[in-house]
Amino acid sequence: MELCLQHTKETGQIFEPDVLDAIWENSQGQPWLINALAYEACFKMKNTLDRSVPATSNMVEKAKNNLIISHETHLDQLADKLKEERVRRVIEPMLEGTGVDSTINDDDISNVLDLDLITKGSEGLQIANSIYRKVIPRQLTSVTCYNLEASIPRKPFIQRDGRLDTQYLFEQFQQFYRENSGSWLEIAQYL
């Protein structure tokens, strides 16, 4: 949080009171996440480049979503850690909702705690922060999602580059009009 105060001192951009709470809520003190959220909110988003505009908790929320979607290196490295059997044994029951029980090796739990993937919370062991709670399932299902996206047929009115195929839509509307305009013309007062 000292980082945010240094930013204010150097740039004059202030943080609304709830911003530090939002950063803490999303990072739970994980240093890389604090820096990434603050950097994204203060330097990467267009509306925050104006230093007279205070940083808000909405900006932090947008920064969080941008980090999750952008596959930042640190977050992508989670994927490698999640492939480790020691990590899987701890994380999997948490994701299943069954929780970590006494059958899991203490060394495995210590390892995952040391990686800052989990923390000891009021309800026992839990995923370390809200960002990891979103990123971990995404990382574990990313290949499935890519394969699913590839298997969904492309809509004929969407070009390969993702843009709308207006020529196709125009031709289809003309065909539709030719086939259906007779019934419209019969009831129209003005032809």
Protein backbone atom coordinates (compact mmCIF):
# COMPACT_ATOMS: atom_id res chain seq x y z
CA MET A 1 0.00 0.00 0.00
CA GLU A 2 3.07 2.15 0.43
CA LEU A 3 3.36 1.96 -3.37
CA CYS A 4 0.06 3.82 -3.77
CA LEU A 5 1.15 6.56 -1.38
CA GLN A 6 4.43 6.94 -3.30
CA HIS A 7 2.43 7.24 -6.53
CA THR A 8 0.32 10.03 -5.00
CA LYS A 9 3.44 11.84 -3.80
CA GLU A 10 5.13 11.63 -7.22
CA THR A 11 2.17 12.28 -9.52
CA GLY A 12 -0.42 14.05 -7.39
CA GLN A 13 -3.03 11.46 -8.30
CA ILE A 14 -4.96 10.54 -5.19
CA PHE A 15 -6.69 7.30 -4.31
CA GLU A 16 -10.24 7.35 -3.04
CA PRO A 17 -10.44 5.89 0.48
CA ASP A 18 -11.90 2.54 -0.61
CA VAL A 19 -9.22 1.91 -3.26
CA LEU A 20 -6.64 0.56 -0.85
CA ASP A 21 -9.28 -1.76 0.57
CA ALA A 22 -10.15 -2.94 -2.96
CA ILE A 23 -6.50 -3.61 -3.75
CA TRP A 24 -6.08 -5.52 -0.50
CA GLU A 25 -9.29 -7.51 -1.06
CA ASN A 26 -8.11 -8.60 -4.50
CA SER A 27 -4.47 -9.27 -3.61
CA GLN A 28 -4.52 -10.22 0.09
CA GLY A 29 -1.08 -8.61 0.24
CA GLN A 30 0.53 -10.68 -2.54
CA PRO A 31 3.24 -8.21 -3.69
CA TRP A 32 3.10 -8.97 -7.42
CA LEU A 33 -0.68 -8.58 -7.47
CA ILE A 34 -0.56 -5.28 -5.55
CA ASN A 35 1.94 -3.87 -8.06
CA ALA A 36 0.06 -5.27 -11.05
CA LEU A 37 -3.32 -3.91 -9.92
CA ALA A 38 -1.90 -0.48 -9.15
CA TYR A 39 0.08 -0.34 -12.41
CA GLU A 40 -2.90 -1.45 -14.48
CA ALA A 41 -5.22 1.02 -12.75
CA CYS A 42 -2.85 4.00 -12.87
CA PHE A 43 -0.83 3.55 -16.06
CA LYS A 44 -2.53 1.22 -18.53
CA MET A 45 -6.16 2.29 -18.49
CA LYS A 46 -6.89 5.37 -20.64
CA ASN A 47 -9.07 7.26 -18.18
CA THR A 48 -6.50 6.99 -15.39
CA LEU A 49 -3.67 8.69 -17.25
CA ASP A 50 -5.14 12.05 -16.24
CA ARG A 51 -3.55 12.49 -12.82
CA SER A 52 -6.25 14.93 -11.72
CA VAL A 53 -8.73 12.04 -11.78
CA PRO A 54 -8.64 10.10 -8.49
CA ALA A 55 -8.14 6.33 -8.64
CA THR A 56 -11.38 4.57 -7.69
CA SER A 57 -12.38 1.09 -6.60
CA ASN A 58 -14.13 0.69 -9.99
CA MET A 59 -10.76 1.23 -11.65
CA VAL A 60 -9.27 -1.50 -9.45
CA GLU A 61 -12.12 -3.84 -10.43
CA LYS A 62 -11.48 -3.13 -14.12
CA ALA A 63 -7.75 -3.60 -13.55
CA LYS A 64 -8.43 -6.97 -11.91
CA ASN A 65 -10.54 -8.11 -14.87
CA ASN A 66 -7.90 -6.87 -17.32
CA LEU A 67 -5.21 -8.86 -15.49
CA ILE A 68 -7.31 -12.00 -15.50
CA ILE A 69 -8.10 -11.73 -19.20
CA SER A 70 -4.62 -10.65 -20.32
CA HIS A 71 -2.82 -13.78 -19.08
CA GLU A 72 -0.05 -11.81 -17.40
CA THR A 73 3.18 -13.80 -17.00
CA HIS A 74 2.81 -14.22 -13.26
CA LEU A 75 -0.72 -15.53 -13.66
CA ASP A 76 0.29 -17.79 -16.53
CA GLN A 77 3.01 -19.27 -14.33
CA LEU A 78 0.20 -20.49 -12.10
CA ALA A 79 -0.65 -22.96 -14.86
CA ASP A 80 2.76 -24.60 -14.49
CA LYS A 81 2.40 -24.80 -10.72
CA LEU A 82 -1.10 -26.26 -11.03
CA LYS A 83 0.32 -29.15 -13.09
CA GLU A 84 2.47 -30.25 -10.18
CA GLU A 85 0.98 -33.27 -8.39
CA ARG A 86 1.75 -31.77 -4.98
CA VAL A 87 -0.24 -28.66 -5.84
CA ARG A 88 -3.09 -30.61 -7.44
CA ARG A 89 -3.59 -32.70 -4.30
CA VAL A 90 -4.23 -29.54 -2.29
CA ILE A 91 -6.08 -27.36 -4.82
CA GLU A 92 -8.37 -29.99 -6.31
CA PRO A 93 -10.43 -30.70 -3.17
CA MET A 94 -10.76 -26.96 -2.60
CA LEU A 95 -12.19 -26.48 -6.09
CA GLU A 96 -14.49 -29.49 -5.62
CA GLY A 97 -15.80 -27.90 -2.45
CA THR A 98 -14.81 -30.85 -0.28
CA GLY A 99 -11.93 -28.98 1.35
CA VAL A 100 -8.51 -30.14 2.41
CA ASP A 101 -8.60 -33.02 4.87
CA SER A 102 -6.13 -35.01 6.95
CA THR A 103 -5.28 -37.38 4.09
CA ILE A 104 -3.27 -34.63 2.37
CA ASN A 105 0.42 -34.52 3.18
CA ASP A 106 1.53 -31.59 5.38
CA ASP A 107 4.51 -31.02 3.09
CA ASP A 108 2.14 -30.55 0.14
CA ILE A 109 0.11 -28.02 2.10
CA SER A 110 3.27 -26.17 3.18
CA ASN A 111 4.47 -26.10 -0.43
CA VAL A 112 1.22 -24.56 -1.69
CA LEU A 113 1.18 -22.08 1.21
CA ASP A 114 4.77 -21.09 0.33
CA LEU A 115 3.69 -20.53 -3.28
CA ASP A 116 1.05 -18.10 -1.94
CA LEU A 117 -1.67 -19.99 -3.81
CA ILE A 118 -3.60 -20.65 -0.61
CA THR A 119 -3.85 -19.07 2.79
CA LYS A 120 -5.12 -19.96 6.22
CA GLY A 121 -8.46 -18.22 6.56
CA SER A 122 -11.26 -18.09 9.08
CA GLU A 123 -12.84 -21.14 7.42
CA GLY A 124 -9.61 -23.11 7.10
CA LEU A 125 -7.39 -23.31 4.05
CA GLN A 126 -8.66 -21.32 1.08
CA ILE A 127 -7.50 -19.96 -2.26
CA ALA A 128 -5.27 -16.98 -1.42
CA ASN A 129 -7.23 -14.14 -3.06
CA SER A 130 -10.12 -13.30 -5.35
CA ILE A 131 -7.90 -13.08 -8.43
CA TYR A 132 -6.52 -16.58 -7.90
CA ARG A 133 -10.08 -17.83 -7.25
CA LYS A 134 -10.92 -16.72 -10.79
CA VAL A 135 -7.63 -17.51 -12.51
CA ILE A 136 -7.08 -21.05 -11.18
CA PRO A 137 -10.28 -22.54 -12.65
CA ARG A 138 -9.66 -20.64 -15.90
CA GLN A 139 -6.14 -22.02 -16.13
CA LEU A 140 -7.34 -25.55 -15.45
CA THR A 141 -10.01 -25.37 -18.14
CA SER A 142 -8.25 -23.21 -20.76
CA VAL A 143 -7.46 -26.03 -23.20
CA THR A 144 -11.03 -27.30 -22.96
CA CYS A 145 -12.33 -23.77 -23.61
CA TYR A 146 -10.07 -23.31 -26.64
CA ASN A 147 -11.21 -26.65 -28.06
CA LEU A 148 -14.85 -25.78 -27.39
CA GLU A 149 -14.49 -22.41 -29.10
CA ALA A 150 -12.89 -24.10 -32.11
CA SER A 151 -15.72 -26.65 -32.36
CA ILE A 152 -18.47 -24.03 -32.45
CA PRO A 153 -19.32 -23.33 -36.08
CA ARG A 154 -18.60 -19.81 -37.26
CA LYS A 155 -21.72 -17.75 -37.89
CA PRO A 156 -22.07 -17.06 -41.62
CA PHE A 157 -22.48 -13.32 -41.01
CA ILE A 158 -19.18 -13.08 -39.09
CA GLN A 159 -16.00 -12.87 -41.16
CA ARG A 160 -12.88 -14.83 -40.18
CA ASP A 161 -11.33 -11.69 -38.69
CA GLY A 162 -14.39 -11.24 -36.43
CA ARG A 163 -15.95 -8.34 -38.33
CA LEU A 164 -19.57 -8.29 -39.47
CA ASP A 165 -20.06 -9.48 -43.07
CA THR A 166 -22.40 -6.71 -44.22
CA GLN A 167 -22.46 -7.97 -47.84
CA TYR A 168 -23.73 -11.38 -46.69
CA LEU A 169 -26.36 -9.76 -44.43
CA PHE A 170 -27.51 -7.47 -47.25
CA GLU A 171 -27.86 -10.38 -49.70
CA GLN A 172 -29.74 -12.46 -47.12
CA PHE A 173 -32.12 -9.59 -46.38
CA GLN A 174 -32.77 -9.13 -50.11
CA GLN A 175 -33.61 -12.83 -50.40
CA PHE A 176 -35.85 -12.66 -47.33
CA TYR A 177 -37.62 -9.59 -48.75
CA ARG A 178 -38.18 -11.30 -52.13
CA GLU A 179 -39.71 -14.32 -50.38
CA ASN A 180 -41.86 -12.43 -47.85
CA SER A 181 -42.65 -8.96 -49.22
CA GLY A 182 -45.87 -10.07 -50.92
CA SER A 183 -47.71 -10.51 -47.64
CA TRP A 184 -46.46 -7.12 -46.44
CA LEU A 185 -47.49 -5.35 -49.62
CA GLU A 186 -51.03 -6.76 -49.40
CA ILE A 187 -51.68 -5.00 -46.09
CA ALA A 188 -49.74 -1.77 -46.71
CA GLN A 189 -51.82 1.38 -47.24
CA TYR A 190 -49.04 3.03 -49.24
CA LEU A 191 -47.08 0.99 -51.73
